[in-house]
Amino acid sequence: MVSYVNALLYGVGGIVVAGIALLVAFQEKLVYVPVLPGLSKSYPVTPARLRLPYEDIWLRSFDGVRLHAWFIKLFPECRGPTILFFQENAGNIAHRLEMVRIMLQRLNCNVFMLSYRGYGASDGYPSQHGIIMDAQAALDHLSQRSDIDTSRIVVFGRSLGGAVGAVLTKNNPDKVGALILENTFTSILDMAGVLLPFLKWFIGKSSKGPRILNFLVRSPWSTIDIVGQIKQPILFVSGLQDEMVPPVHMQILYAKAATHNRQCLFVEFPNGMHMDTWLSGGDHYWRTIQQFLEQHIPEKKENGSSRNNNDFEAR
């Protein structure tokens, strides 16, 4: 009996040690996936392939890393909202162009697409600290442009991009007008327990165990600690068939934000998966975002005041 118990304890200990080794050695590869399996790091297409007029933008992050981005305008004089889009962790901005093409048409907006460090044509290697600086460089660039309405900058982040966007929005209440979060996790700490279930008792913001592995995570991306500090309007878009991030993460984020912020809206899409909620959601998806923007980032009248749907209905 004693030998059996000892063997069991050794087995559990071995699993924990193996989990620690995996976290230490491969965590960046689990969190950041700049290159999809079987594909190259380079962009397979550019906006020109979809007949979208765009600018190649080159930026320097605060620590000197050279970053690449695309700025796509609906038309040269478009004064509509400008969406600062932060992508999921896998692949690069070129893989999001079809969605952005529809976004331009449906929302009458401009879109700025940033390649995080280590992604696409950007230099460097991804890390949480570095990507936060990259996002700030993109926002600072947009805020200094004279060809857009800088009072109508909206941050849109999906999955990892939502974590990035939440930090940026919290840090820039005077530059970001609103935030859209789609299929975003509460934290990488919680996601570690989802990806490696045997670790869930030892890691995570919501773990009931001792959380002894939390300190090993170099990119915790703890959105749950950030979202409650955001003052701007937030739209939460949740695909209920998300196969990567459990939909309950979005519910938890919304509950935390709504406690402190009355300008929060939570919308579920029953057929939405992690990457295709924009597609499976169809017209309802785009109308939801359009109405959110019209309410919180209204178009300015020529006399400087704003108008929204209620102004149109009153006419």
C-alpha atoms as a PDB file:
ATOM      1  CA  MET A   1       0.000   0.000   0.000  1.00  0.00           C
ATOM      2  CA  VAL A   2       2.811   2.376   0.944  1.00  0.00           C
ATOM      3  CA  SER A   3       4.653   1.684  -2.291  1.00  0.00           C
ATOM      4  CA  TYR A   4       1.456   2.359  -4.274  1.00  0.00           C
ATOM      5  CA  VAL A   5       0.978   5.737  -2.577  1.00  0.00           C
ATOM      6  CA  ASN A   6       4.603   6.598  -3.173  1.00  0.00           C
ATOM      7  CA  ALA A   7       4.290   5.691  -6.818  1.00  0.00           C
ATOM      8  CA  LEU A   8       1.179   7.856  -7.114  1.00  0.00           C
ATOM      9  CA  LEU A   9       2.912  10.806  -5.497  1.00  0.00           C
ATOM     10  CA  TYR A  10       5.930  10.388  -7.732  1.00  0.00           C
ATOM     11  CA  GLY A  11       3.632  10.237 -10.749  1.00  0.00           C
ATOM     12  CA  VAL A  12       1.809  13.434  -9.803  1.00  0.00           C
ATOM     13  CA  GLY A  13       5.114  15.106  -9.051  1.00  0.00           C
ATOM     14  CA  GLY A  14       6.446  14.058 -12.431  1.00  0.00           C
ATOM     15  CA  ILE A  15       3.434  15.568 -14.171  1.00  0.00           C
ATOM     16  CA  VAL A  16       3.879  18.869 -12.345  1.00  0.00           C
ATOM     17  CA  VAL A  17       7.590  18.957 -13.149  1.00  0.00           C
ATOM     18  CA  ALA A  18       6.829  18.187 -16.797  1.00  0.00           C
ATOM     19  CA  GLY A  19       4.245  20.966 -16.831  1.00  0.00           C
ATOM     20  CA  ILE A  20       6.729  23.422 -15.374  1.00  0.00           C
ATOM     21  CA  ALA A  21       9.297  22.430 -17.992  1.00  0.00           C
ATOM     22  CA  LEU A  22       6.760  22.941 -20.785  1.00  0.00           C
ATOM     23  CA  LEU A  23       5.802  26.370 -19.485  1.00  0.00           C
ATOM     24  CA  VAL A  24       9.373  27.541 -19.115  1.00  0.00           C
ATOM     25  CA  ALA A  25      10.645  26.197 -22.427  1.00  0.00           C
ATOM     26  CA  PHE A  26       7.724  26.649 -24.805  1.00  0.00           C
ATOM     27  CA  GLN A  27       5.371  29.284 -23.418  1.00  0.00           C
ATOM     28  CA  GLU A  28       6.229  31.922 -26.022  1.00  0.00           C
ATOM     29  CA  LYS A  29       5.520  29.401 -28.773  1.00  0.00           C
ATOM     30  CA  LEU A  30       2.144  28.649 -27.209  1.00  0.00           C
ATOM     31  CA  VAL A  31       1.191  32.319 -26.815  1.00  0.00           C
ATOM     32  CA  TYR A  32       2.691  33.769 -30.007  1.00  0.00           C
ATOM     33  CA  VAL A  33       2.413  32.033 -33.375  1.00  0.00           C
ATOM     34  CA  PRO A  34       3.727  34.445 -36.040  1.00  0.00           C
ATOM     35  CA  VAL A  35       4.030  31.684 -38.644  1.00  0.00           C
ATOM     36  CA  LEU A  36       1.244  29.221 -39.407  1.00  0.00           C
ATOM     37  CA  PRO A  37       2.390  25.606 -39.931  1.00  0.00           C
ATOM     38  CA  GLY A  38       3.454  25.017 -43.505  1.00  0.00           C
ATOM     39  CA  LEU A  39       3.472  28.718 -44.409  1.00  0.00           C
ATOM     40  CA  SER A  40       6.164  31.390 -44.512  1.00  0.00           C
ATOM     41  CA  LYS A  41       6.348  34.490 -42.330  1.00  0.00           C
ATOM     42  CA  SER A  42       5.910  36.781 -45.321  1.00  0.00           C
ATOM     43  CA  TYR A  43       2.544  38.181 -46.380  1.00  0.00           C
ATOM     44  CA  PRO A  44       0.768  35.890 -48.878  1.00  0.00           C
ATOM     45  CA  VAL A  45      -1.226  38.864 -50.224  1.00  0.00           C
ATOM     46  CA  THR A  46      -1.378  42.615 -49.804  1.00  0.00           C
ATOM     47  CA  PRO A  47      -4.418  44.917 -49.730  1.00  0.00           C
ATOM     48  CA  ALA A  48      -3.761  45.672 -53.399  1.00  0.00           C
ATOM     49  CA  ARG A  49      -4.809  42.106 -54.275  1.00  0.00           C
ATOM     50  CA  LEU A  50      -8.252  42.952 -52.882  1.00  0.00           C
ATOM     51  CA  ARG A  51      -8.201  46.340 -54.619  1.00  0.00           C
ATOM     52  CA  LEU A  52      -7.945  48.204 -51.349  1.00  0.00           C
ATOM     53  CA  PRO A  53      -6.016  51.497 -51.398  1.00  0.00           C
ATOM     54  CA  TYR A  54      -3.459  51.454 -48.617  1.00  0.00           C
ATOM     55  CA  GLU A  55      -0.249  52.872 -47.205  1.00  0.00           C
ATOM     56  CA  ASP A  56       2.759  50.865 -46.077  1.00  0.00           C
ATOM     57  CA  ILE A  57       3.573  52.320 -42.662  1.00  0.00           C
ATOM     58  CA  TRP A  58       6.891  51.867 -40.874  1.00  0.00           C
ATOM     59  CA  LEU A  59       7.090  52.760 -37.206  1.00  0.00           C
ATOM     60  CA  ARG A  60       9.623  52.606 -34.398  1.00  0.00           C
ATOM     61  CA  SER A  61       8.512  51.243 -31.067  1.00  0.00           C
ATOM     62  CA  PHE A  62       9.766  52.970 -27.927  1.00  0.00           C
ATOM     63  CA  ASP A  63      12.658  50.516 -27.647  1.00  0.00           C
ATOM     64  CA  GLY A  64      13.677  51.032 -31.276  1.00  0.00           C
ATOM     65  CA  VAL A  65      12.127  47.925 -32.852  1.00  0.00           C
ATOM     66  CA  ARG A  66      11.064  48.551 -36.462  1.00  0.00           C
ATOM     67  CA  LEU A  67       7.382  47.771 -37.051  1.00  0.00           C
ATOM     68  CA  HIS A  68       5.285  47.386 -40.164  1.00  0.00           C
ATOM     69  CA  ALA A  69       1.621  48.223 -40.617  1.00  0.00           C
ATOM     70  CA  TRP A  70      -1.014  48.793 -43.294  1.00  0.00           C
ATOM     71  CA  PHE A  71      -3.313  51.786 -43.193  1.00  0.00           C
ATOM     72  CA  ILE A  72      -6.349  51.145 -45.376  1.00  0.00           C
ATOM     73  CA  LYS A  73      -8.717  54.026 -46.089  1.00  0.00           C
ATOM     74  CA  LEU A  74     -12.207  53.582 -47.437  1.00  0.00           C
ATOM     75  CA  PHE A  75     -11.568  56.557 -49.719  1.00  0.00           C
ATOM     76  CA  PRO A  76      -9.054  59.434 -49.575  1.00  0.00           C
ATOM     77  CA  GLU A  77     -11.248  61.900 -47.688  1.00  0.00           C
ATOM     78  CA  CYS A  78     -12.999  59.412 -45.382  1.00  0.00           C
ATOM     79  CA  ARG A  79     -13.691  61.026 -42.007  1.00  0.00           C
ATOM     80  CA  GLY A  80     -15.484  58.024 -40.573  1.00  0.00           C
ATOM     81  CA  PRO A  81     -14.224  56.040 -37.576  1.00  0.00           C
ATOM     82  CA  THR A  82     -10.691  54.692 -37.727  1.00  0.00           C
ATOM     83  CA  ILE A  83     -10.401  51.120 -36.446  1.00  0.00           C
ATOM     84  CA  LEU A  84      -7.063  50.207 -34.875  1.00  0.00           C
ATOM     85  CA  PHE A  85      -7.198  46.441 -35.375  1.00  0.00           C
ATOM     86  CA  PHE A  86      -5.201  43.980 -33.281  1.00  0.00           C
ATOM     87  CA  GLN A  87      -5.202  40.423 -34.596  1.00  0.00           C
ATOM     88  CA  GLU A  88      -5.274  36.978 -33.012  1.00  0.00           C
ATOM     89  CA  ASN A  89      -1.991  35.275 -32.190  1.00  0.00           C
ATOM     90  CA  ALA A  90      -1.695  32.995 -35.256  1.00  0.00           C
ATOM     91  CA  GLY A  91      -0.435  34.191 -38.626  1.00  0.00           C
ATOM     92  CA  ASN A  92      -0.092  37.790 -39.761  1.00  0.00           C
ATOM     93  CA  ILE A  93      -2.238  40.732 -40.846  1.00  0.00           C
ATOM     94  CA  ALA A  94      -2.531  39.453 -44.408  1.00  0.00           C
ATOM     95  CA  HIS A  95      -4.676  36.569 -43.160  1.00  0.00           C
ATOM     96  CA  ARG A  96      -7.263  39.101 -41.900  1.00  0.00           C
ATOM     97  CA  LEU A  97      -7.658  41.081 -45.117  1.00  0.00           C
ATOM     98  CA  GLU A  98     -10.924  39.500 -46.249  1.00  0.00           C
ATOM     99  CA  MET A  99     -12.551  40.386 -42.952  1.00  0.00           C
ATOM    100  CA  VAL A 100     -11.119  43.905 -43.116  1.00  0.00           C
ATOM    101  CA  ARG A 101     -12.420  44.346 -46.662  1.00  0.00           C
ATOM    102  CA  ILE A 102     -15.951  43.708 -45.432  1.00  0.00           C
ATOM    103  CA  MET A 103     -15.355  45.854 -42.352  1.00  0.00           C
ATOM    104  CA  LEU A 104     -14.511  48.833 -44.548  1.00  0.00           C
ATOM    105  CA  GLN A 105     -17.680  48.431 -46.568  1.00  0.00           C
ATOM    106  CA  ARG A 106     -20.064  47.742 -43.696  1.00  0.00           C
ATOM    107  CA  LEU A 107     -18.747  50.286 -41.196  1.00  0.00           C
ATOM    108  CA  ASN A 108     -17.630  53.060 -43.580  1.00  0.00           C
ATOM    109  CA  CYS A 109     -14.368  53.275 -41.694  1.00  0.00           C
ATOM    110  CA  ASN A 110     -10.602  53.311 -42.060  1.00  0.00           C
ATOM    111  CA  VAL A 111      -8.561  50.394 -40.704  1.00  0.00           C
ATOM    112  CA  PHE A 112      -5.021  50.411 -39.318  1.00  0.00           C
ATOM    113  CA  MET A 113      -3.501  46.918 -39.147  1.00  0.00           C
ATOM    114  CA  LEU A 114      -0.354  46.520 -37.053  1.00  0.00           C
ATOM    115  CA  SER A 115       2.131  43.674 -37.318  1.00  0.00           C
ATOM    116  CA  TYR A 116       3.344  42.972 -33.796  1.00  0.00           C
ATOM    117  CA  ARG A 117       7.089  42.612 -33.368  1.00  0.00           C
ATOM    118  CA  GLY A 118       8.157  39.278 -34.808  1.00  0.00           C
ATOM    119  CA  TYR A 119       5.051  39.096 -36.995  1.00  0.00           C
ATOM    120  CA  GLY A 120       4.898  39.752 -40.737  1.00  0.00           C
ATOM    121  CA  ALA A 121       7.513  42.280 -41.828  1.00  0.00           C
ATOM    122  CA  SER A 122       8.131  43.656 -38.320  1.00  0.00           C
ATOM    123  CA  ASP A 123      11.471  43.081 -36.635  1.00  0.00           C
ATOM    124  CA  GLY A 124      12.117  41.667 -33.188  1.00  0.00           C
ATOM    125  CA  TYR A 125      10.612  38.902 -31.083  1.00  0.00           C
ATOM    126  CA  PRO A 126       7.168  38.974 -29.455  1.00  0.00           C
ATOM    127  CA  SER A 127       6.722  39.559 -25.737  1.00  0.00           C
ATOM    128  CA  GLN A 128       4.008  41.173 -23.670  1.00  0.00           C
ATOM    129  CA  HIS A 129       6.108  44.186 -22.738  1.00  0.00           C
ATOM    130  CA  GLY A 130       7.224  44.666 -26.328  1.00  0.00           C
ATOM    131  CA  ILE A 131       3.789  44.311 -27.929  1.00  0.00           C
ATOM    132  CA  ILE A 132       2.326  46.852 -25.501  1.00  0.00           C
ATOM    133  CA  MET A 133       4.952  49.313 -26.751  1.00  0.00           C
ATOM    134  CA  ASP A 134       4.141  48.377 -30.355  1.00  0.00           C
ATOM    135  CA  ALA A 135       0.452  49.096 -29.831  1.00  0.00           C
ATOM    136  CA  GLN A 136       1.264  52.473 -28.294  1.00  0.00           C
ATOM    137  CA  ALA A 137       3.433  53.371 -31.288  1.00  0.00           C
ATOM    138  CA  ALA A 138       0.541  52.589 -33.642  1.00  0.00           C
ATOM    139  CA  LEU A 139      -1.905  54.708 -31.647  1.00  0.00           C
ATOM    140  CA  ASP A 140       0.545  57.600 -31.389  1.00  0.00           C
ATOM    141  CA  HIS A 141       0.958  57.515 -35.161  1.00  0.00           C
ATOM    142  CA  LEU A 142      -2.791  57.644 -35.743  1.00  0.00           C
ATOM    143  CA  SER A 143      -3.264  60.420 -33.195  1.00  0.00           C
ATOM    144  CA  GLN A 144      -0.832  62.619 -35.107  1.00  0.00           C
ATOM    145  CA  ARG A 145      -2.436  62.197 -38.529  1.00  0.00           C
ATOM    146  CA  SER A 146      -4.292  65.141 -40.062  1.00  0.00           C
ATOM    147  CA  ASP A 147      -6.261  63.118 -42.628  1.00  0.00           C
ATOM    148  CA  ILE A 148      -8.517  61.322 -40.125  1.00  0.00           C
ATOM    149  CA  ASP A 149     -10.871  62.343 -37.341  1.00  0.00           C
ATOM    150  CA  THR A 150      -8.649  61.552 -34.353  1.00  0.00           C
ATOM    151  CA  SER A 151     -11.636  61.824 -31.992  1.00  0.00           C
ATOM    152  CA  ARG A 152     -13.115  58.692 -33.614  1.00  0.00           C
ATOM    153  CA  ILE A 153     -10.316  56.157 -33.066  1.00  0.00           C
ATOM    154  CA  VAL A 154     -11.700  52.770 -31.993  1.00  0.00           C
ATOM    155  CA  VAL A 155      -9.595  49.834 -30.811  1.00  0.00           C
ATOM    156  CA  PHE A 156     -10.766  46.409 -32.031  1.00  0.00           C
ATOM    157  CA  GLY A 157      -9.030  43.325 -30.658  1.00  0.00           C
ATOM    158  CA  ARG A 158      -9.744  39.645 -31.207  1.00  0.00           C
ATOM    159  CA  SER A 159      -8.354  36.954 -28.859  1.00  0.00           C
ATOM    160  CA  LEU A 160      -4.757  37.996 -28.081  1.00  0.00           C
ATOM    161  CA  GLY A 161      -5.543  41.263 -29.831  1.00  0.00           C
ATOM    162  CA  GLY A 162      -8.263  41.898 -27.275  1.00  0.00           C
ATOM    163  CA  ALA A 163      -5.726  41.642 -24.469  1.00  0.00           C
ATOM    164  CA  VAL A 164      -3.465  44.064 -26.347  1.00  0.00           C
ATOM    165  CA  GLY A 165      -6.330  46.432 -27.062  1.00  0.00           C
ATOM    166  CA  ALA A 166      -7.579  46.446 -23.477  1.00  0.00           C
ATOM    167  CA  VAL A 167      -4.196  47.588 -22.137  1.00  0.00           C
ATOM    168  CA  LEU A 168      -3.893  50.277 -24.810  1.00  0.00           C
ATOM    169  CA  THR A 169      -7.414  51.573 -24.222  1.00  0.00           C
ATOM    170  CA  LYS A 170      -6.931  51.734 -20.449  1.00  0.00           C
ATOM    171  CA  ASN A 171      -3.644  53.607 -20.875  1.00  0.00           C
ATOM    172  CA  ASN A 172      -5.053  56.149 -23.353  1.00  0.00           C
ATOM    173  CA  PRO A 173      -8.439  57.478 -22.233  1.00  0.00           C
ATOM    174  CA  ASP A 174      -7.858  60.694 -24.169  1.00  0.00           C
ATOM    175  CA  LYS A 175      -6.914  59.017 -27.480  1.00  0.00           C
ATOM    176  CA  VAL A 176      -9.192  55.960 -27.741  1.00  0.00           C
ATOM    177  CA  GLY A 177     -12.918  56.579 -28.104  1.00  0.00           C
ATOM    178  CA  ALA A 178     -14.182  53.009 -27.648  1.00  0.00           C
ATOM    179  CA  LEU A 179     -13.067  49.378 -27.437  1.00  0.00           C
ATOM    180  CA  ILE A 180     -14.379  46.228 -29.142  1.00  0.00           C
ATOM    181  CA  LEU A 181     -13.338  42.888 -27.639  1.00  0.00           C
ATOM    182  CA  GLU A 182     -14.025  39.663 -29.518  1.00  0.00           C
ATOM    183  CA  ASN A 183     -13.422  36.129 -28.180  1.00  0.00           C
ATOM    184  CA  THR A 184     -10.830  37.352 -25.693  1.00  0.00           C
ATOM    185  CA  PHE A 185      -9.482  35.385 -22.731  1.00  0.00           C
ATOM    186  CA  THR A 186      -9.441  36.479 -19.093  1.00  0.00           C
ATOM    187  CA  SER A 187      -5.701  35.799 -18.929  1.00  0.00           C
ATOM    188  CA  ILE A 188      -3.005  33.584 -20.381  1.00  0.00           C
ATOM    189  CA  LEU A 189      -2.723  32.127 -16.878  1.00  0.00           C
ATOM    190  CA  ASP A 190      -6.284  30.820 -17.179  1.00  0.00           C
ATOM    191  CA  MET A 191      -5.696  29.669 -20.760  1.00  0.00           C
ATOM    192  CA  ALA A 192      -2.730  27.562 -19.641  1.00  0.00           C
ATOM    193  CA  GLY A 193      -5.158  25.448 -17.643  1.00  0.00           C
ATOM    194  CA  VAL A 194      -7.403  25.152 -20.703  1.00  0.00           C
ATOM    195  CA  LEU A 195      -4.595  24.064 -23.033  1.00  0.00           C
ATOM    196  CA  LEU A 196      -2.932  21.838 -20.428  1.00  0.00           C
ATOM    197  CA  PRO A 197      -5.814  20.704 -18.154  1.00  0.00           C
ATOM    198  CA  PHE A 198      -3.600  18.874 -15.668  1.00  0.00           C
ATOM    199  CA  LEU A 199      -2.089  22.253 -14.725  1.00  0.00           C
ATOM    200  CA  LYS A 200      -5.363  24.005 -13.861  1.00  0.00           C
ATOM    201  CA  TRP A 201      -4.931  23.371 -10.126  1.00  0.00           C
ATOM    202  CA  PHE A 202      -1.531  25.050 -10.138  1.00  0.00           C
ATOM    203  CA  ILE A 203      -1.988  28.023 -12.460  1.00  0.00           C
ATOM    204  CA  GLY A 204      -4.570  30.656 -13.312  1.00  0.00           C
ATOM    205  CA  LYS A 205      -6.231  33.781 -11.973  1.00  0.00           C
ATOM    206  CA  SER A 206      -9.318  31.780 -11.013  1.00  0.00           C
ATOM    207  CA  SER A 207      -7.537  28.601  -9.909  1.00  0.00           C
ATOM    208  CA  LYS A 208      -8.744  27.089  -6.617  1.00  0.00           C
ATOM    209  CA  GLY A 209      -5.338  25.566  -6.066  1.00  0.00           C
ATOM    210  CA  PRO A 210      -2.072  27.102  -4.829  1.00  0.00           C
ATOM    211  CA  ARG A 211      -1.268  28.831  -8.172  1.00  0.00           C
ATOM    212  CA  ILE A 212       2.378  27.967  -7.682  1.00  0.00           C
ATOM    213  CA  LEU A 213       3.117  28.204 -11.427  1.00  0.00           C
ATOM    214  CA  ASN A 214       1.739  31.711 -12.038  1.00  0.00           C
ATOM    215  CA  PHE A 215       5.118  33.355 -11.453  1.00  0.00           C
ATOM    216  CA  LEU A 216       6.653  31.361 -14.320  1.00  0.00           C
ATOM    217  CA  VAL A 217       4.436  32.910 -17.009  1.00  0.00           C
ATOM    218  CA  ARG A 218       6.298  35.690 -18.793  1.00  0.00           C
ATOM    219  CA  SER A 219       3.300  36.951 -20.805  1.00  0.00           C
ATOM    220  CA  PRO A 220       0.305  36.709 -18.441  1.00  0.00           C
ATOM    221  CA  TRP A 221      -1.898  39.133 -20.452  1.00  0.00           C
ATOM    222  CA  SER A 222      -4.274  39.471 -17.511  1.00  0.00           C
ATOM    223  CA  THR A 223      -7.189  41.175 -19.238  1.00  0.00           C
ATOM    224  CA  ILE A 224      -9.408  40.505 -16.216  1.00  0.00           C
ATOM    225  CA  ASP A 225      -7.246  42.901 -14.185  1.00  0.00           C
ATOM    226  CA  ILE A 226      -7.386  45.583 -16.889  1.00  0.00           C
ATOM    227  CA  VAL A 227     -10.958  45.596 -18.154  1.00  0.00           C
ATOM    228  CA  GLY A 228     -12.444  46.933 -14.921  1.00  0.00           C
ATOM    229  CA  GLN A 229     -10.251  50.039 -15.219  1.00  0.00           C
ATOM    230  CA  ILE A 230     -11.446  51.045 -18.694  1.00  0.00           C
ATOM    231  CA  LYS A 231     -13.711  54.094 -18.784  1.00  0.00           C
ATOM    232  CA  GLN A 232     -14.528  54.149 -22.496  1.00  0.00           C
ATOM    233  CA  PRO A 233     -17.507  52.273 -24.017  1.00  0.00           C
ATOM    234  CA  ILE A 234     -16.827  48.559 -24.560  1.00  0.00           C
ATOM    235  CA  LEU A 235     -18.565  46.123 -26.915  1.00  0.00           C
ATOM    236  CA  PHE A 236     -18.079  42.447 -26.024  1.00  0.00           C
ATOM    237  CA  VAL A 237     -18.559  40.101 -29.013  1.00  0.00           C
ATOM    238  CA  SER A 238     -18.728  36.439 -28.032  1.00  0.00           C
ATOM    239  CA  GLY A 239     -18.919  33.403 -30.326  1.00  0.00           C
ATOM    240  CA  LEU A 240     -20.589  30.625 -28.368  1.00  0.00           C
ATOM    241  CA  GLN A 241     -18.917  27.877 -30.426  1.00  0.00           C
ATOM    242  CA  ASP A 242     -15.420  29.201 -29.705  1.00  0.00           C
ATOM    243  CA  GLU A 243     -13.186  26.137 -29.745  1.00  0.00           C
ATOM    244  CA  MET A 244     -10.096  27.948 -28.411  1.00  0.00           C
ATOM    245  CA  VAL A 245     -11.210  30.328 -25.666  1.00  0.00           C
ATOM    246  CA  PRO A 246     -14.106  29.073 -23.518  1.00  0.00           C
ATOM    247  CA  PRO A 247     -16.993  31.571 -23.997  1.00  0.00           C
ATOM    248  CA  VAL A 248     -17.285  31.907 -20.225  1.00  0.00           C
ATOM    249  CA  HIS A 249     -14.103  34.015 -20.355  1.00  0.00           C
ATOM    250  CA  MET A 250     -15.986  36.730 -22.236  1.00  0.00           C
ATOM    251  CA  GLN A 251     -18.857  36.560 -19.751  1.00  0.00           C
ATOM    252  CA  ILE A 252     -16.421  37.009 -16.865  1.00  0.00           C
ATOM    253  CA  LEU A 253     -14.742  39.972 -18.582  1.00  0.00           C
ATOM    254  CA  TYR A 254     -18.096  41.626 -19.239  1.00  0.00           C
ATOM    255  CA  ALA A 255     -19.242  41.138 -15.652  1.00  0.00           C
ATOM    256  CA  LYS A 256     -16.021  42.690 -14.353  1.00  0.00           C
ATOM    257  CA  ALA A 257     -16.220  45.666 -16.719  1.00  0.00           C
ATOM    258  CA  ALA A 258     -19.939  46.336 -16.265  1.00  0.00           C
ATOM    259  CA  THR A 259     -19.467  46.653 -12.514  1.00  0.00           C
ATOM    260  CA  HIS A 260     -17.467  49.834 -13.092  1.00  0.00           C
ATOM    261  CA  ASN A 261     -18.590  50.984 -16.545  1.00  0.00           C
ATOM    262  CA  ARG A 262     -22.201  51.574 -17.587  1.00  0.00           C
ATOM    263  CA  GLN A 263     -21.252  51.843 -21.264  1.00  0.00           C
ATOM    264  CA  CYS A 264     -20.751  48.102 -21.786  1.00  0.00           C
ATOM    265  CA  LEU A 265     -22.660  45.914 -24.227  1.00  0.00           C
ATOM    266  CA  PHE A 266     -22.447  42.113 -24.423  1.00  0.00           C
ATOM    267  CA  VAL A 267     -23.639  40.337 -27.598  1.00  0.00           C
ATOM    268  CA  GLU A 268     -23.553  36.579 -28.221  1.00  0.00           C
ATOM    269  CA  PHE A 269     -23.404  34.835 -31.599  1.00  0.00           C
ATOM    270  CA  PRO A 270     -24.645  31.224 -31.281  1.00  0.00           C
ATOM    271  CA  ASN A 271     -22.692  29.845 -34.251  1.00  0.00           C
ATOM    272  CA  GLY A 272     -19.532  31.900 -33.824  1.00  0.00           C
ATOM    273  CA  MET A 273     -16.214  30.062 -33.560  1.00  0.00           C
ATOM    274  CA  HIS A 274     -12.906  31.582 -32.485  1.00  0.00           C
ATOM    275  CA  MET A 275     -11.862  32.958 -35.871  1.00  0.00           C
ATOM    276  CA  ASP A 276     -15.115  33.125 -37.850  1.00  0.00           C
ATOM    277  CA  THR A 277     -17.648  34.946 -35.679  1.00  0.00           C
ATOM    278  CA  TRP A 278     -17.513  37.830 -38.150  1.00  0.00           C
ATOM    279  CA  LEU A 279     -18.476  35.410 -40.928  1.00  0.00           C
ATOM    280  CA  SER A 280     -21.038  33.194 -39.196  1.00  0.00           C
ATOM    281  CA  GLY A 281     -22.627  36.207 -37.503  1.00  0.00           C
ATOM    282  CA  GLY A 282     -23.557  37.646 -40.882  1.00  0.00           C
ATOM    283  CA  ASP A 283     -25.554  40.840 -41.063  1.00  0.00           C
ATOM    284  CA  HIS A 284     -26.323  40.797 -37.334  1.00  0.00           C
ATOM    285  CA  TYR A 285     -22.609  40.918 -36.528  1.00  0.00           C
ATOM    286  CA  TRP A 286     -21.937  44.005 -38.616  1.00  0.00           C
ATOM    287  CA  ARG A 287     -25.129  45.802 -37.594  1.00  0.00           C
ATOM    288  CA  THR A 288     -24.215  45.261 -33.940  1.00  0.00           C
ATOM    289  CA  ILE A 289     -20.841  46.951 -34.404  1.00  0.00           C
ATOM    290  CA  GLN A 290     -22.287  49.686 -36.611  1.00  0.00           C
ATOM    291  CA  GLN A 291     -24.930  50.598 -34.040  1.00  0.00           C
ATOM    292  CA  PHE A 292     -22.347  50.569 -31.254  1.00  0.00           C
ATOM    293  CA  LEU A 293     -20.163  53.000 -33.213  1.00  0.00           C
ATOM    294  CA  GLU A 294     -23.086  55.240 -34.107  1.00  0.00           C
ATOM    295  CA  GLN A 295     -24.069  55.470 -30.468  1.00  0.00           C
ATOM    296  CA  HIS A 296     -20.651  56.019 -28.925  1.00  0.00           C
ATOM    297  CA  ILE A 297     -18.487  57.414 -31.759  1.00  0.00           C
ATOM    298  CA  PRO A 298     -21.021  59.575 -33.616  1.00  0.00           C
ATOM    299  CA  GLU A 299     -20.316  61.477 -36.781  1.00  0.00           C
ATOM    300  CA  LYS A 300     -19.683  65.170 -36.305  1.00  0.00           C
ATOM    301  CA  LYS A 301     -21.905  67.764 -37.904  1.00  0.00           C
ATOM    302  CA  GLU A 302     -20.310  70.627 -39.756  1.00  0.00           C
ATOM    303  CA  ASN A 303     -20.921  72.980 -36.805  1.00  0.00           C
ATOM    304  CA  GLY A 304     -18.815  70.714 -34.588  1.00  0.00           C
ATOM    305  CA  SER A 305     -21.564  68.919 -32.687  1.00  0.00           C
ATOM    306  CA  SER A 306     -22.261  65.211 -33.024  1.00  0.00           C
ATOM    307  CA  ARG A 307     -25.142  63.266 -34.409  1.00  0.00           C
ATOM    308  CA  ASN A 308     -26.283  59.680 -33.973  1.00  0.00           C
ATOM    309  CA  ASN A 309     -29.205  57.525 -35.004  1.00  0.00           C
ATOM    310  CA  ASN A 310     -31.623  59.555 -32.919  1.00  0.00           C
ATOM    311  CA  ASP A 311     -30.729  62.672 -34.936  1.00  0.00           C
ATOM    312  CA  PHE A 312     -31.547  60.863 -38.186  1.00  0.00           C
ATOM    313  CA  GLU A 313     -34.806  59.494 -36.787  1.00  0.00           C
ATOM    314  CA  ALA A 314     -35.887  62.948 -35.684  1.00  0.00           C
ATOM    315  CA  ARG A 315     -35.696  64.291 -39.219  1.00  0.00           C
END
